[in-house]
N, C-alpha and C. Protein backbone atom coordinates (compact mmCIF):
# COMPACT_ATOMS: atom_id res chain seq x y z
N MET A 1 6.90 -17.88 22.39
CA MET A 1 6.93 -18.21 21.09
C MET A 1 7.78 -18.55 20.65
N ASN A 2 7.77 -19.38 20.01
CA ASN A 2 9.11 -20.04 18.69
C ASN A 2 9.52 -18.98 17.92
N ALA A 3 11.07 -19.16 17.25
CA ALA A 3 11.53 -18.72 16.30
C ALA A 3 10.29 -18.57 14.69
N VAL A 4 9.84 -19.46 14.70
CA VAL A 4 8.77 -19.91 13.22
C VAL A 4 7.59 -19.09 13.47
N ALA A 5 7.19 -19.06 14.75
CA ALA A 5 5.78 -18.11 15.21
C ALA A 5 5.97 -16.67 14.57
N PHE A 6 7.38 -16.52 15.42
CA PHE A 6 7.43 -14.83 14.82
C PHE A 6 8.15 -15.05 13.50
N MET A 7 8.19 -15.91 12.71
CA MET A 7 8.75 -15.36 11.29
C MET A 7 7.34 -15.32 10.52
N HIS A 8 6.33 -16.43 10.85
CA HIS A 8 5.06 -16.15 10.36
C HIS A 8 4.17 -14.51 10.82
N ALA A 9 4.56 -14.47 11.88
CA ALA A 9 3.46 -12.88 12.31
C ALA A 9 4.49 -12.02 11.37
N ALA A 10 6.08 -11.67 11.15
CA ALA A 10 6.62 -11.05 10.71
C ALA A 10 6.39 -10.88 9.20
N TYR A 11 6.42 -11.78 8.84
CA TYR A 11 5.76 -12.47 7.05
C TYR A 11 4.15 -11.75 6.73
N VAL A 12 3.36 -11.98 7.78
CA VAL A 12 2.18 -11.40 7.74
C VAL A 12 1.97 -9.83 7.75
N VAL A 13 2.98 -9.31 8.81
CA VAL A 13 3.21 -8.03 8.84
C VAL A 13 3.72 -7.11 7.80
N VAL A 14 4.40 -7.75 7.02
CA VAL A 14 5.11 -7.41 5.69
C VAL A 14 4.38 -7.12 4.83
N TRP A 15 3.31 -8.25 4.36
CA TRP A 15 2.47 -8.06 3.46
C TRP A 15 1.47 -7.09 3.96
N VAL A 16 0.68 -6.74 5.41
CA VAL A 16 -0.33 -6.20 5.30
C VAL A 16 0.95 -4.30 5.18
N VAL A 17 1.62 -4.51 5.69
CA VAL A 17 2.30 -2.94 5.15
C VAL A 17 2.31 -2.75 3.80
N LEU A 18 2.86 -4.02 3.05
CA LEU A 18 3.18 -3.69 1.69
C LEU A 18 1.73 -3.46 1.12
N GLY A 19 0.40 -3.87 1.42
CA GLY A 19 -0.47 -3.84 0.69
C GLY A 19 -1.11 -2.73 1.23
N GLY A 20 -1.19 -1.65 2.63
CA GLY A 20 -1.36 -0.47 2.73
C GLY A 20 -0.53 0.76 1.96
N TYR A 21 0.77 0.14 1.78
CA TYR A 21 1.62 1.09 1.01
C TYR A 21 0.82 1.17 -0.34
N LEU A 22 0.70 -0.10 -1.01
CA LEU A 22 0.34 0.23 -2.74
C LEU A 22 -0.73 0.23 -2.68
N ALA A 23 -1.93 0.46 -1.62
CA ALA A 23 -2.99 1.12 -1.99
C ALA A 23 -3.31 2.23 -2.06
N ASP A 24 -2.02 3.22 -0.89
CA ASP A 24 -1.94 4.68 -1.10
C ASP A 24 -1.32 5.35 -2.01
N LEU A 25 -0.35 4.50 -2.67
CA LEU A 25 -0.05 4.99 -4.26
C LEU A 25 -0.70 4.74 -5.29
N LEU A 26 -1.62 3.87 -5.11
CA LEU A 26 -2.94 4.01 -6.51
C LEU A 26 -4.06 4.97 -5.75
N ALA A 27 -4.40 5.56 -4.63
CA ALA A 27 -5.59 6.60 -4.47
C ALA A 27 -4.54 7.67 -4.76
N ARG A 28 -3.66 7.92 -4.30
CA ARG A 28 -2.72 9.11 -4.94
C ARG A 28 -2.53 9.11 -6.54
N TYR A 29 -2.52 7.91 -7.13
CA TYR A 29 -2.13 8.10 -8.48
C TYR A 29 -3.40 8.45 -9.35
N VAL A 30 -4.83 7.82 -8.50
CA VAL A 30 -6.04 8.18 -9.18
C VAL A 30 -6.47 9.59 -8.67
N LYS A 31 -5.87 10.33 -7.71
CA LYS A 31 -6.02 11.61 -7.55
C LYS A 31 -5.24 12.44 -8.65
N LEU A 32 -3.81 12.40 -8.78
CA LEU A 32 -3.29 13.10 -9.29
C LEU A 32 -3.78 13.09 -10.95
N LYS A 33 -4.17 11.85 -11.41
CA LYS A 33 -4.85 11.76 -12.61
C LYS A 33 -6.26 12.80 -12.91
N LYS A 34 -6.98 12.72 -11.66
CA LYS A 34 -8.10 13.43 -11.83
C LYS A 34 -8.08 14.64 -11.80
N GLU A 35 -6.69 15.52 -10.76
CA GLU A 35 -6.47 16.60 -10.74
C GLU A 35 -5.93 17.22 -12.46
N LEU A 36 -5.07 16.46 -12.85
CA LEU A 36 -4.22 16.82 -14.30
C LEU A 36 -5.32 16.84 -15.26
N LYS A 37 -6.70 16.01 -15.22
CA LYS A 37 -7.57 15.92 -16.04
C LYS A 37 -8.20 17.61 -16.26
N ASP A 38 -8.69 17.71 -14.63
CA ASP A 38 -9.20 19.19 -14.36
C ASP A 38 -8.73 20.25 -14.94
N LEU A 39 -7.49 20.07 -14.97
CA LEU A 39 -6.58 21.26 -14.84
C LEU A 39 -6.34 21.25 -16.95
N THR A 40 -6.15 20.26 -17.62
CA THR A 40 -6.90 20.37 -18.79
C THR A 40 -7.59 20.73 -19.85
N LYS A 41 -9.03 21.04 -18.71
CA LYS A 41 -9.83 21.58 -19.31
C LYS A 41 -10.28 22.88 -20.15
């Protein structure tokens, strides 16, 4: 593989990791918001 192929692969990996991180943050936020709503009842 040449350098351009490695750069393309690294670009894809970075976006996949970033997407997973953002999805995890969103899931934690939704869970926290639900728990806060339950506690304030």
